[in-house]
PDB file of all heavy atoms in Angstrom:
ATOM      1  N   THR A   1       0.818  -1.214   0.000  1.00  0.00           N
ATOM      2  CA  THR A   1       0.000   0.000   0.000  1.00  0.00           C
ATOM      3  C   THR A   1       0.850   1.261   0.000  1.00  0.00           C
ATOM      4  O   THR A   1       0.448   2.298  -0.538  1.00  0.00           O
ATOM      5  CB  THR A   1      -0.945   0.031   1.221  1.00  0.00           C
ATOM      6  OG1 THR A   1      -0.173   0.043   2.424  1.00  0.00           O
ATOM      7  CG2 THR A   1      -1.864  -1.176   1.235  1.00  0.00           C
ATOM      8  N   LEU A   2       2.042   1.179   0.588  1.00  0.00           N
ATOM      9  CA  LEU A   2       2.918   2.356   0.630  1.00  0.00           C
ATOM     10  C   LEU A   2       3.445   2.750  -0.748  1.00  0.00           C
ATOM     11  O   LEU A   2       4.007   3.836  -0.910  1.00  0.00           O
ATOM     12  CB  LEU A   2       4.076   2.105   1.594  1.00  0.00           C
ATOM     13  CG  LEU A   2       3.700   2.151   3.081  1.00  0.00           C
ATOM     14  CD1 LEU A   2       4.825   1.620   3.946  1.00  0.00           C
ATOM     15  CD2 LEU A   2       3.329   3.577   3.497  1.00  0.00           C
ATOM     16  N   ALA A   3       3.241   1.881  -1.725  1.00  0.00           N
ATOM     17  CA  ALA A   3       3.601   2.243  -3.094  1.00  0.00           C
ATOM     18  C   ALA A   3       2.650   3.300  -3.653  1.00  0.00           C
ATOM     19  O   ALA A   3       2.975   3.985  -4.626  1.00  0.00           O
ATOM     20  CB  ALA A   3       3.567   1.001  -3.992  1.00  0.00           C
ATOM     21  N   ARG A   4       1.466   3.414  -3.025  1.00  0.00           N
ATOM     22  CA  ARG A   4       0.453   4.354  -3.526  1.00  0.00           C
ATOM     23  C   ARG A   4       0.115   5.467  -2.540  1.00  0.00           C
ATOM     24  O   ARG A   4      -0.636   6.382  -2.879  1.00  0.00           O
ATOM     25  CB  ARG A   4      -0.832   3.590  -3.868  1.00  0.00           C
ATOM     26  CG  ARG A   4      -0.676   2.566  -4.967  1.00  0.00           C
ATOM     27  CD  ARG A   4      -0.343   3.211  -6.293  1.00  0.00           C
ATOM     28  NE  ARG A   4      -0.145   2.221  -7.348  1.00  0.00           N
ATOM     29  CZ  ARG A   4       0.354   2.504  -8.536  1.00  0.00           C
ATOM     30  NH1 ARG A   4       0.711   3.741  -8.825  1.00  0.00           N
ATOM     31  NH2 ARG A   4       0.512   1.547  -9.436  1.00  0.00           N
ATOM     32  N   CYS A   5       0.595   5.370  -1.318  1.00  0.00           N
ATOM     33  CA  CYS A   5       0.321   6.437  -0.345  1.00  0.00           C
ATOM     34  C   CYS A   5       1.533   6.577   0.577  1.00  0.00           C
ATOM     35  O   CYS A   5       2.333   5.658   0.721  1.00  0.00           O
ATOM     36  CB  CYS A   5      -0.939   6.130   0.457  1.00  0.00           C
ATOM     37  SG  CYS A   5      -0.800   4.695   1.543  1.00  0.00           S
ATOM     38  N   ASN A   6       1.654   7.732   1.198  1.00  0.00           N
ATOM     39  CA  ASN A   6       2.826   7.971   2.051  1.00  0.00           C
ATOM     40  C   ASN A   6       2.446   8.234   3.509  1.00  0.00           C
ATOM     41  O   ASN A   6       3.258   8.728   4.287  1.00  0.00           O
ATOM     42  CB  ASN A   6       3.663   9.144   1.521  1.00  0.00           C
ATOM     43  CG  ASN A   6       2.827  10.405   1.330  1.00  0.00           C
ATOM     44  OD1 ASN A   6       1.719  10.506   1.848  1.00  0.00           O
ATOM     45  ND2 ASN A   6       3.373  11.356   0.582  1.00  0.00           N
ATOM     46  N   ARG A   7       1.204   7.915   3.872  1.00  0.00           N
ATOM     47  CA  ARG A   7       0.771   8.061   5.255  1.00  0.00           C
ATOM     48  C   ARG A   7       0.564   6.676   5.858  1.00  0.00           C
ATOM     49  O   ARG A   7      -0.163   5.853   5.313  1.00  0.00           O
ATOM     50  CB  ARG A   7      -0.521   8.876   5.344  1.00  0.00           C
ATOM     51  CG  ARG A   7      -0.368  10.314   4.898  1.00  0.00           C
ATOM     52  CD  ARG A   7      -1.663  11.110   5.103  1.00  0.00           C
ATOM     53  NE  ARG A   7      -1.984  11.255   6.533  1.00  0.00           N
ATOM     54  CZ  ARG A   7      -2.995  10.651   7.134  1.00  0.00           C
ATOM     55  NH1 ARG A   7      -3.784   9.819   6.443  1.00  0.00           N
ATOM     56  NH2 ARG A   7      -3.233  10.842   8.426  1.00  0.00           N
ATOM     57  N   ILE A   8       1.211   6.429   6.997  1.00  0.00           N
ATOM     58  CA  ILE A   8       1.149   5.112   7.627  1.00  0.00           C
ATOM     59  C   ILE A   8      -0.294   4.739   7.988  1.00  0.00           C
ATOM     60  O   ILE A   8      -0.720   3.598   7.781  1.00  0.00           O
ATOM     61  CB  ILE A   8       2.041   5.074   8.882  1.00  0.00           C
ATOM     62  CG1 ILE A   8       3.519   5.231   8.483  1.00  0.00           C
ATOM     63  CG2 ILE A   8       1.839   3.766   9.641  1.00  0.00           C
ATOM     64  CD1 ILE A   8       4.042   4.126   7.607  1.00  0.00           C
ATOM     65  N   ALA A   9      -1.031   5.680   8.521  1.00  0.00           N
ATOM     66  CA  ALA A   9      -2.407   5.389   8.921  1.00  0.00           C
ATOM     67  C   ALA A   9      -3.248   4.961   7.723  1.00  0.00           C
ATOM     68  O   ALA A   9      -4.033   4.011   7.798  1.00  0.00           O
ATOM     69  CB  ALA A   9      -3.025   6.606   9.604  1.00  0.00           C
ATOM     70  N   THR A  10      -3.081   5.664   6.612  1.00  0.00           N
ATOM     71  CA  THR A  10      -3.827   5.319   5.398  1.00  0.00           C
ATOM     72  C   THR A  10      -3.381   3.965   4.863  1.00  0.00           C
ATOM     73  O   THR A  10      -4.206   3.151   4.442  1.00  0.00           O
ATOM     74  CB  THR A  10      -3.619   6.398   4.321  1.00  0.00           C
ATOM     75  OG1 THR A  10      -4.025   7.666   4.836  1.00  0.00           O
ATOM     76  CG2 THR A  10      -4.436   6.077   3.076  1.00  0.00           C
ATOM     77  N   ALA A  11      -2.064   3.733   4.906  1.00  0.00           N
ATOM     78  CA  ALA A  11      -1.532   2.456   4.427  1.00  0.00           C
ATOM     79  C   ALA A  11      -2.085   1.296   5.251  1.00  0.00           C
ATOM     80  O   ALA A  11      -2.445   0.241   4.710  1.00  0.00           O
ATOM     81  CB  ALA A  11      -0.009   2.463   4.481  1.00  0.00           C
ATOM     82  N   ARG A  12      -2.171   1.478   6.552  1.00  0.00           N
ATOM     83  CA  ARG A  12      -2.684   0.428   7.432  1.00  0.00           C
ATOM     84  C   ARG A  12      -4.165   0.164   7.141  1.00  0.00           C
ATOM     85  O   ARG A  12      -4.611  -0.983   7.091  1.00  0.00           O
ATOM     86  CB  ARG A  12      -2.490   0.822   8.893  1.00  0.00           C
ATOM     87  CG  ARG A  12      -2.742  -0.316   9.881  1.00  0.00           C
ATOM     88  CD  ARG A  12      -2.530   0.160  11.316  1.00  0.00           C
ATOM     89  NE  ARG A  12      -1.226   0.767  11.520  1.00  0.00           N
ATOM     90  CZ  ARG A  12      -0.127   0.082  11.734  1.00  0.00           C
ATOM     91  NH1 ARG A  12      -0.152  -1.246  11.761  1.00  0.00           N
ATOM     92  NH2 ARG A  12       1.036   0.709  11.925  1.00  0.00           N
ATOM     93  N   GLU A  13      -4.918   1.213   6.937  1.00  0.00           N
ATOM     94  CA  GLU A  13      -6.347   1.078   6.646  1.00  0.00           C
ATOM     95  C   GLU A  13      -6.568   0.320   5.339  1.00  0.00           C
ATOM     96  O   GLU A  13      -7.406  -0.572   5.251  1.00  0.00           O
ATOM     97  CB  GLU A  13      -6.992   2.460   6.588  1.00  0.00           C
ATOM     98  CG  GLU A  13      -8.479   2.432   6.294  1.00  0.00           C
ATOM     99  CD  GLU A  13      -9.077   3.827   6.253  1.00  0.00           C
ATOM    100  OE1 GLU A  13      -8.428   4.781   6.757  1.00  0.00           O
ATOM    101  OE2 GLU A  13     -10.183   3.980   5.706  1.00  0.00           O
ATOM    102  N   ARG A  14      -5.806   0.698   4.328  1.00  0.00           N
ATOM    103  CA  ARG A  14      -5.944   0.027   3.035  1.00  0.00           C
ATOM    104  C   ARG A  14      -5.487  -1.432   3.127  1.00  0.00           C
ATOM    105  O   ARG A  14      -6.085  -2.310   2.513  1.00  0.00           O
ATOM    106  CB  ARG A  14      -5.135   0.773   1.973  1.00  0.00           C
ATOM    107  CG  ARG A  14      -5.685   2.143   1.622  1.00  0.00           C
ATOM    108  CD  ARG A  14      -4.869   2.802   0.525  1.00  0.00           C
ATOM    109  NE  ARG A  14      -5.362   4.126   0.199  1.00  0.00           N
ATOM    110  CZ  ARG A  14      -4.790   4.941  -0.685  1.00  0.00           C
ATOM    111  NH1 ARG A  14      -3.689   4.554  -1.319  1.00  0.00           N
ATOM    112  NH2 ARG A  14      -5.296   6.137  -0.925  1.00  0.00           N
ATOM    113  N   ALA A  15      -4.427  -1.665   3.878  1.00  0.00           N
ATOM    114  CA  ALA A  15      -3.926  -3.034   4.024  1.00  0.00           C
ATOM    115  C   ALA A  15      -4.998  -3.941   4.605  1.00  0.00           C
ATOM    116  O   ALA A  15      -5.158  -5.091   4.172  1.00  0.00           O
ATOM    117  CB  ALA A  15      -2.685  -3.040   4.915  1.00  0.00           C
ATOM    118  N   GLN A  16      -5.750  -3.439   5.572  1.00  0.00           N
ATOM    119  CA  GLN A  16      -6.783  -4.252   6.184  1.00  0.00           C
ATOM    120  C   GLN A  16      -7.871  -4.631   5.179  1.00  0.00           C
ATOM    121  O   GLN A  16      -8.448  -5.716   5.260  1.00  0.00           O
ATOM    122  CB  GLN A  16      -7.378  -3.501   7.381  1.00  0.00           C
ATOM    123  CG  GLN A  16      -6.395  -3.374   8.539  1.00  0.00           C
ATOM    124  CD  GLN A  16      -6.929  -2.546   9.693  1.00  0.00           C
ATOM    125  OE1 GLN A  16      -8.103  -2.187   9.724  1.00  0.00           O
ATOM    126  NE2 GLN A  16      -6.062  -2.240  10.649  1.00  0.00           N
ATOM    127  N   GLN A  17      -8.131  -3.775   4.211  1.00  0.00           N
ATOM    128  CA  GLN A  17      -9.118  -4.083   3.172  1.00  0.00           C
ATOM    129  C   GLN A  17      -8.662  -5.275   2.332  1.00  0.00           C
ATOM    130  O   GLN A  17      -9.448  -6.189   2.051  1.00  0.00           O
ATOM    131  CB  GLN A  17      -9.345  -2.868   2.282  1.00  0.00           C
ATOM    132  CG  GLN A  17      -9.961  -1.673   2.997  1.00  0.00           C
ATOM    133  CD  GLN A  17     -10.037  -0.442   2.112  1.00  0.00           C
ATOM    134  OE1 GLN A  17      -9.682  -0.484   0.934  1.00  0.00           O
ATOM    135  NE2 GLN A  17     -10.498   0.664   2.681  1.00  0.00           N
ATOM    136  N   TYR A  18      -7.397  -5.271   1.942  1.00  0.00           N
ATOM    137  CA  TYR A  18      -6.885  -6.358   1.109  1.00  0.00           C
ATOM    138  C   TYR A  18      -6.723  -7.647   1.911  1.00  0.00           C
ATOM    139  O   TYR A  18      -6.937  -8.738   1.382  1.00  0.00           O
ATOM    140  CB  TYR A  18      -5.562  -5.937   0.463  1.00  0.00           C
ATOM    141  CG  TYR A  18      -5.733  -4.803  -0.523  1.00  0.00           C
ATOM    142  CD1 TYR A  18      -5.250  -3.537  -0.232  1.00  0.00           C
ATOM    143  CD2 TYR A  18      -6.410  -4.993  -1.724  1.00  0.00           C
ATOM    144  CE1 TYR A  18      -5.429  -2.484  -1.117  1.00  0.00           C
ATOM    145  CE2 TYR A  18      -6.593  -3.948  -2.621  1.00  0.00           C
ATOM    146  CZ  TYR A  18      -6.103  -2.692  -2.311  1.00  0.00           C
ATOM    147  OH  TYR A  18      -6.296  -1.652  -3.179  1.00  0.00           O
ATOM    148  N   ILE A  19      -6.368  -7.518   3.166  1.00  0.00           N
ATOM    149  CA  ILE A  19      -6.293  -8.692   4.039  1.00  0.00           C
ATOM    150  C   ILE A  19      -7.666  -9.339   4.156  1.00  0.00           C
ATOM    151  O   ILE A  19      -7.808 -10.567   4.111  1.00  0.00           O
ATOM    152  CB  ILE A  19      -5.753  -8.296   5.431  1.00  0.00           C
ATOM    153  CG1 ILE A  19      -4.275  -7.909   5.337  1.00  0.00           C
ATOM    154  CG2 ILE A  19      -5.931  -9.438   6.435  1.00  0.00           C
ATOM    155  CD1 ILE A  19      -3.733  -7.251   6.587  1.00  0.00           C
ATOM    156  N   GLY A  20      -8.694  -8.518   4.264  1.00  0.00           N
ATOM    157  CA  GLY A  20     -10.043  -9.040   4.309  1.00  0.00           C
ATOM    158  C   GLY A  20     -10.442  -9.711   3.009  1.00  0.00           C
ATOM    159  O   GLY A  20     -11.097 -10.759   3.019  1.00  0.00           O
ATOM    160  N   PHE A  21     -10.030  -9.137   1.894  1.00  0.00           N
ATOM    161  CA  PHE A  21     -10.380  -9.709   0.593  1.00  0.00           C
ATOM    162  C   PHE A  21      -9.842 -11.123   0.442  1.00  0.00           C
ATOM    163  O   PHE A  21     -10.527 -12.009  -0.070  1.00  0.00           O
ATOM    164  CB  PHE A  21      -9.844  -8.834  -0.539  1.00  0.00           C
ATOM    165  CG  PHE A  21     -10.140  -9.366  -1.913  1.00  0.00           C
ATOM    166  CD1 PHE A  21     -11.349  -9.109  -2.528  1.00  0.00           C
ATOM    167  CD2 PHE A  21      -9.204 -10.140  -2.590  1.00  0.00           C
ATOM    168  CE1 PHE A  21     -11.637  -9.612  -3.790  1.00  0.00           C
ATOM    169  CE2 PHE A  21      -9.472 -10.655  -3.853  1.00  0.00           C
ATOM    170  CZ  PHE A  21     -10.696 -10.380  -4.454  1.00  0.00           C
ATOM    171  N   VAL A  22      -8.606 -11.359   0.898  1.00  0.00           N
ATOM    172  CA  VAL A  22      -8.001 -12.682   0.738  1.00  0.00           C
ATOM    173  C   VAL A  22      -8.298 -13.621   1.902  1.00  0.00           C
ATOM    174  O   VAL A  22      -7.846 -14.763   1.922  1.00  0.00           O
ATOM    175  CB  VAL A  22      -6.470 -12.587   0.528  1.00  0.00           C
ATOM    176  CG1 VAL A  22      -6.141 -11.739  -0.693  1.00  0.00           C
ATOM    177  CG2 VAL A  22      -5.778 -12.030   1.779  1.00  0.00           C
ATOM    178  N   GLY A  23      -9.054 -13.132   2.894  1.00  0.00           N
ATOM    179  CA  GLY A  23      -9.479 -14.003   3.984  1.00  0.00           C
ATOM    180  C   GLY A  23      -8.441 -14.275   5.052  1.00  0.00           C
ATOM    181  O   GLY A  23      -8.431 -15.350   5.653  1.00  0.00           O
ATOM    182  N   LEU A  24      -7.586 -13.298   5.321  1.00  0.00           N
ATOM    183  CA  LEU A  24      -6.543 -13.486   6.339  1.00  0.00           C
ATOM    184  C   LEU A  24      -6.759 -12.606   7.562  1.00  0.00           C
ATOM    185  O   LEU A  24      -5.810 -12.338   8.317  1.00  0.00           O
ATOM    186  CB  LEU A  24      -5.153 -13.203   5.742  1.00  0.00           C
ATOM    187  CG  LEU A  24      -4.577 -14.239   4.780  1.00  0.00           C
ATOM    188  CD1 LEU A  24      -3.212 -13.787   4.281  1.00  0.00           C
ATOM    189  CD2 LEU A  24      -4.458 -15.614   5.449  1.00  0.00           C
ATOM    190  N   GLU A  25      -7.994 -12.166   7.803  1.00  0.00           N
ATOM    191  CA  GLU A  25      -8.236 -11.285   8.954  1.00  0.00           C
ATOM    192  C   GLU A  25      -7.739 -11.893  10.260  1.00  0.00           C
ATOM    193  O   GLU A  25      -7.149 -11.198  11.095  1.00  0.00           O
ATOM    194  CB  GLU A  25      -9.735 -10.987   9.084  1.00  0.00           C
ATOM    195  CG  GLU A  25     -10.363 -10.345   7.858  1.00  0.00           C
ATOM    196  CD  GLU A  25     -11.071 -11.358   6.990  1.00  0.00           C
ATOM    197  OE1 GLU A  25     -10.529 -12.475   6.831  1.00  0.00           O
ATOM    198  OE2 GLU A  25     -12.151 -11.048   6.477  1.00  0.00           O
ATOM    199  N   ALA A  26      -7.961 -13.187  10.424  1.00  0.00           N
ATOM    200  CA  ALA A  26      -7.574 -13.847  11.673  1.00  0.00           C
ATOM    201  C   ALA A  26      -6.059 -13.960  11.824  1.00  0.00           C
ATOM    202  O   ALA A  26      -5.560 -14.255  12.919  1.00  0.00           O
ATOM    203  CB  ALA A  26      -8.203 -15.232  11.751  1.00  0.00           C
ATOM    204  N   LYS A  27      -5.310 -13.721  10.740  1.00  0.00           N
ATOM    205  CA  LYS A  27      -3.851 -13.837  10.759  1.00  0.00           C
ATOM    206  C   LYS A  27      -3.170 -12.467  10.680  1.00  0.00           C
ATOM    207  O   LYS A  27      -1.961 -12.400  10.446  1.00  0.00           O
ATOM    208  CB  LYS A  27      -3.386 -14.706   9.586  1.00  0.00           C
ATOM    209  CG  LYS A  27      -3.916 -16.130   9.603  1.00  0.00           C
ATOM    210  CD  LYS A  27      -3.324 -16.934  10.735  1.00  0.00           C
ATOM    211  CE  LYS A  27      -3.799 -18.375  10.720  1.00  0.00           C
ATOM    212  NZ  LYS A  27      -3.205 -19.171  11.809  1.00  0.00           N
ATOM    213  N   ARG A  28      -3.912 -11.416  10.893  1.00  0.00           N
ATOM    214  CA  ARG A  28      -3.398 -10.057  10.683  1.00  0.00           C
ATOM    215  C   ARG A  28      -2.107  -9.791  11.453  1.00  0.00           C
ATOM    216  O   ARG A  28      -1.199  -9.127  10.940  1.00  0.00           O
ATOM    217  CB  ARG A  28      -4.473  -9.044  11.092  1.00  0.00           C
ATOM    218  CG  ARG A  28      -4.102  -7.597  10.836  1.00  0.00           C
ATOM    219  CD  ARG A  28      -5.251  -6.668  11.179  1.00  0.00           C
ATOM    220  NE  ARG A  28      -5.619  -6.788  12.578  1.00  0.00           N
ATOM    221  CZ  ARG A  28      -5.012  -6.124  13.567  1.00  0.00           C
ATOM    222  NH1 ARG A  28      -3.987  -5.323  13.301  1.00  0.00           N
ATOM    223  NH2 ARG A  28      -5.411  -6.266  14.815  1.00  0.00           N
ATOM    224  N   THR A  29      -1.979 -10.316  12.671  1.00  0.00           N
ATOM    225  CA  THR A  29      -0.792 -10.046  13.488  1.00  0.00           C
ATOM    226  C   THR A  29       0.207 -11.209  13.478  1.00  0.00           C
ATOM    227  O   THR A  29       1.183 -11.193  14.221  1.00  0.00           O
ATOM    228  CB  THR A  29      -1.202  -9.751  14.946  1.00  0.00           C
ATOM    229  OG1 THR A  29      -1.913 -10.882  15.469  1.00  0.00           O
ATOM    230  CG2 THR A  29      -2.091  -8.519  15.018  1.00  0.00           C
ATOM    231  N   THR A  30      -0.045 -12.200  12.623  1.00  0.00           N
ATOM    232  CA  THR A  30       0.856 -13.356  12.522  1.00  0.00           C
ATOM    233  C   THR A  30       2.061 -12.999  11.666  1.00  0.00           C
ATOM    234  O   THR A  30       1.937 -12.305  10.653  1.00  0.00           O
ATOM    235  CB  THR A  30       0.112 -14.551  11.894  1.00  0.00           C
ATOM    236  OG1 THR A  30      -1.020 -14.878  12.700  1.00  0.00           O
ATOM    237  CG2 THR A  30       1.021 -15.762  11.785  1.00  0.00           C
ATOM    238  N   LEU A  31       3.230 -13.481  12.054  1.00  0.00           N
ATOM    239  CA  LEU A  31       4.446 -13.226  11.266  1.00  0.00           C
ATOM    240  C   LEU A  31       4.400 -14.013   9.962  1.00  0.00           C
ATOM    241  O   LEU A  31       3.846 -15.119   9.890  1.00  0.00           O
ATOM    242  CB  LEU A  31       5.686 -13.617  12.055  1.00  0.00           C
ATOM    243  CG  LEU A  31       5.981 -12.827  13.331  1.00  0.00           C
ATOM    244  CD1 LEU A  31       7.254 -13.351  13.982  1.00  0.00           C
ATOM    245  CD2 LEU A  31       6.088 -11.337  13.043  1.00  0.00           C
ATOM    246  N   GLY A  32       5.020 -13.446   8.942  1.00  0.00           N
ATOM    247  CA  GLY A  32       5.044 -14.108   7.641  1.00  0.00           C
ATOM    248  C   GLY A  32       5.616 -15.511   7.688  1.00  0.00           C
ATOM    249  O   GLY A  32       5.141 -16.417   7.008  1.00  0.00           O
ATOM    250  N   LYS A  33       6.633 -15.721   8.520  1.00  0.00           N
ATOM    251  CA  LYS A  33       7.290 -17.024   8.589  1.00  0.00           C
ATOM    252  C   LYS A  33       6.417 -18.082   9.251  1.00  0.00           C
ATOM    253  O   LYS A  33       6.718 -19.282   9.162  1.00  0.00           O
ATOM    254  CB  LYS A  33       8.611 -16.903   9.344  1.00  0.00           C
ATOM    255  CG  LYS A  33       8.469 -16.532  10.819  1.00  0.00           C
ATOM    256  CD  LYS A  33       9.833 -16.396  11.464  1.00  0.00           C
ATOM    257  CE  LYS A  33       9.727 -16.031  12.952  1.00  0.00           C
ATOM    258  NZ  LYS A  33      11.067 -15.858  13.561  1.00  0.00           N
ATOM    259  N   GLN A  34       5.351 -17.681   9.890  1.00  0.00           N
ATOM    260  CA  GLN A  34       4.486 -18.625  10.599  1.00  0.00           C
ATOM    261  C   GLN A  34       3.288 -19.085   9.768  1.00  0.00           C
ATOM    262  O   GLN A  34       2.492 -19.890  10.239  1.00  0.00           O
ATOM    263  CB  GLN A  34       3.991 -17.976  11.898  1.00  0.00           C
ATOM    264  CG  GLN A  34       5.108 -17.660  12.879  1.00  0.00           C
ATOM    265  CD  GLN A  34       4.634 -16.873  14.090  1.00  0.00           C
ATOM    266  OE1 GLN A  34       3.691 -16.090  14.013  1.00  0.00           O
ATOM    267  NE2 GLN A  34       5.284 -17.101  15.231  1.00  0.00           N
ATOM    268  N   LEU A  35       3.175 -18.609   8.549  1.00  0.00           N
ATOM    269  CA  LEU A  35       2.037 -18.940   7.704  1.00  0.00           C
ATOM    270  C   LEU A  35       2.260 -20.246   6.950  1.00  0.00           C
ATOM    271  O   LEU A  35       3.396 -20.602   6.608  1.00  0.00           O
ATOM    272  CB  LEU A  35       1.781 -17.818   6.691  1.00  0.00           C
ATOM    273  CG  LEU A  35       1.434 -16.439   7.238  1.00  0.00           C
ATOM    274  CD1 LEU A  35       1.312 -15.453   6.102  1.00  0.00           C
ATOM    275  CD2 LEU A  35       0.165 -16.479   8.075  1.00  0.00           C
ATOM    276  N   SER A  36       1.175 -20.937   6.652  1.00  0.00           N
ATOM    277  CA  SER A  36       1.241 -22.111   5.777  1.00  0.00           C
ATOM    278  C   SER A  36       1.455 -21.658   4.337  1.00  0.00           C
ATOM    279  O   SER A  36       1.345 -20.456   4.014  1.00  0.00           O
ATOM    280  CB  SER A  36      -0.062 -22.910   5.875  1.00  0.00           C
ATOM    281  OG  SER A  36      -1.130 -22.172   5.301  1.00  0.00           O
ATOM    282  N   THR A  37       1.758 -22.592   3.446  1.00  0.00           N
ATOM    283  CA  THR A  37       1.977 -22.238   2.041  1.00  0.00           C
ATOM    284  C   THR A  37       0.734 -21.594   1.437  1.00  0.00           C
ATOM    285  O   THR A  37       0.828 -20.585   0.723  1.00  0.00           O
ATOM    286  CB  THR A  37       2.363 -23.484   1.232  1.00  0.00           C
ATOM    287  OG1 THR A  37       3.540 -24.057   1.785  1.00  0.00           O
ATOM    288  CG2 THR A  37       2.633 -23.116  -0.225  1.00  0.00           C
ATOM    289  N   GLY A  38      -0.433 -22.163   1.720  1.00  0.00           N
ATOM    290  CA  GLY A  38      -1.666 -21.592   1.195  1.00  0.00           C
ATOM    291  C   GLY A  38      -1.913 -20.188   1.710  1.00  0.00           C
ATOM    292  O   GLY A  38      -2.349 -19.298   0.965  1.00  0.00           O
ATOM    293  N   GLN A  39      -1.606 -19.951   2.980  1.00  0.00           N
ATOM    294  CA  GLN A  39      -1.769 -18.618   3.558  1.00  0.00           C
ATOM    295  C   GLN A  39      -0.761 -17.642   2.967  1.00  0.00           C
ATOM    296  O   GLN A  39      -1.073 -16.469   2.746  1.00  0.00           O
ATOM    297  CB  GLN A  39      -1.628 -18.694   5.081  1.00  0.00           C
ATOM    298  CG  GLN A  39      -2.777 -19.425   5.755  1.00  0.00           C
ATOM    299  CD  GLN A  39      -2.484 -19.805   7.190  1.00  0.00           C
ATOM    300  OE1 GLN A  39      -1.323 -19.770   7.648  1.00  0.00           O
ATOM    301  NE2 GLN A  39      -3.513 -20.187   7.928  1.00  0.00           N
ATOM    302  N   ARG A  40       0.435 -18.128   2.687  1.00  0.00           N
ATOM    303  CA  ARG A  40       1.436 -17.262   2.051  1.00  0.00           C
ATOM    304  C   ARG A  40       1.010 -16.859   0.650  1.00  0.00           C
ATOM    305  O   ARG A  40       1.268 -15.731   0.210  1.00  0.00           O
ATOM    306  CB  ARG A  40       2.795 -17.980   2.007  1.00  0.00           C
ATOM    307  CG  ARG A  40       3.451 -18.136   3.360  1.00  0.00           C
ATOM    308  CD  ARG A  40       4.849 -18.724   3.239  1.00  0.00           C
ATOM    309  NE  ARG A  40       5.477 -18.869   4.537  1.00  0.00           N
ATOM    310  CZ  ARG A  40       6.785 -19.043   4.722  1.00  0.00           C
ATOM    311  NH1 ARG A  40       7.590 -19.099   3.674  1.00  0.00           N
ATOM    312  NH2 ARG A  40       7.279 -19.163   5.934  1.00  0.00           N
ATOM    313  N   LYS A  41       0.372 -17.784  -0.059  1.00  0.00           N
ATOM    314  CA  LYS A  41      -0.153 -17.456  -1.380  1.00  0.00           C
ATOM    315  C   LYS A  41      -1.177 -16.332  -1.279  1.00  0.00           C
ATOM    316  O   LYS A  41      -1.197 -15.397  -2.095  1.00  0.00           O
ATOM    317  CB  LYS A  41      -0.796 -18.689  -2.016  1.00  0.00           C
ATOM    318  CG  LYS A  41       0.163 -19.811  -2.370  1.00  0.00           C
ATOM    319  CD  LYS A  41       0.892 -19.546  -3.668  1.00  0.00           C
ATOM    320  CE  LYS A  41       1.705 -20.770  -4.100  1.00  0.00           C
ATOM    321  NZ  LYS A  41       2.408 -20.565  -5.381  1.00  0.00           N
ATOM    322  N   ARG A  42      -2.048 -16.423  -0.286  1.00  0.00           N
ATOM    323  CA  ARG A  42      -3.057 -15.386  -0.075  1.00  0.00           C
ATOM    324  C   ARG A  42      -2.400 -14.054   0.307  1.00  0.00           C
ATOM    325  O   ARG A  42      -2.799 -12.985  -0.180  1.00  0.00           O
ATOM    326  CB  ARG A  42      -4.032 -15.816   1.017  1.00  0.00           C
ATOM    327  CG  ARG A  42      -4.976 -16.935   0.595  1.00  0.00           C
ATOM    328  CD  ARG A  42      -5.819 -17.425   1.760  1.00  0.00           C
ATOM    329  NE  ARG A  42      -6.725 -18.486   1.352  1.00  0.00           N
ATOM    330  CZ  ARG A  42      -7.997 -18.309   0.991  1.00  0.00           C
ATOM    331  NH1 ARG A  42      -8.510 -17.093   1.002  1.00  0.00           N
ATOM    332  NH2 ARG A  42      -8.756 -19.325   0.633  1.00  0.00           N
ATOM    333  N   LEU A  43      -1.387 -14.131   1.159  1.00  0.00           N
ATOM    334  CA  LEU A  43      -0.681 -12.917   1.564  1.00  0.00           C
ATOM    335  C   LEU A  43      -0.008 -12.249   0.364  1.00  0.00           C
ATOM    336  O   LEU A  43      -0.087 -11.028   0.200  1.00  0.00           O
ATOM    337  CB  LEU A  43       0.356 -13.250   2.637  1.00  0.00           C
ATOM    338  CG  LEU A  43       1.310 -12.116   3.035  1.00  0.00           C
ATOM    339  CD1 LEU A  43       0.547 -10.911   3.555  1.00  0.00           C
ATOM    340  CD2 LEU A  43       2.309 -12.618   4.073  1.00  0.00           C
TER     341      LEU A  43
END
């Protein structure tokens, strides 16, 4: 999201929209290294 905006708050808000689209809301605070392959594909 920071490729299109330069405000952290806006970037965080937009990120949550895309996280919701791919169905990773429950993993929002999970580290990338802790995701399964399928979850990484979604990320």
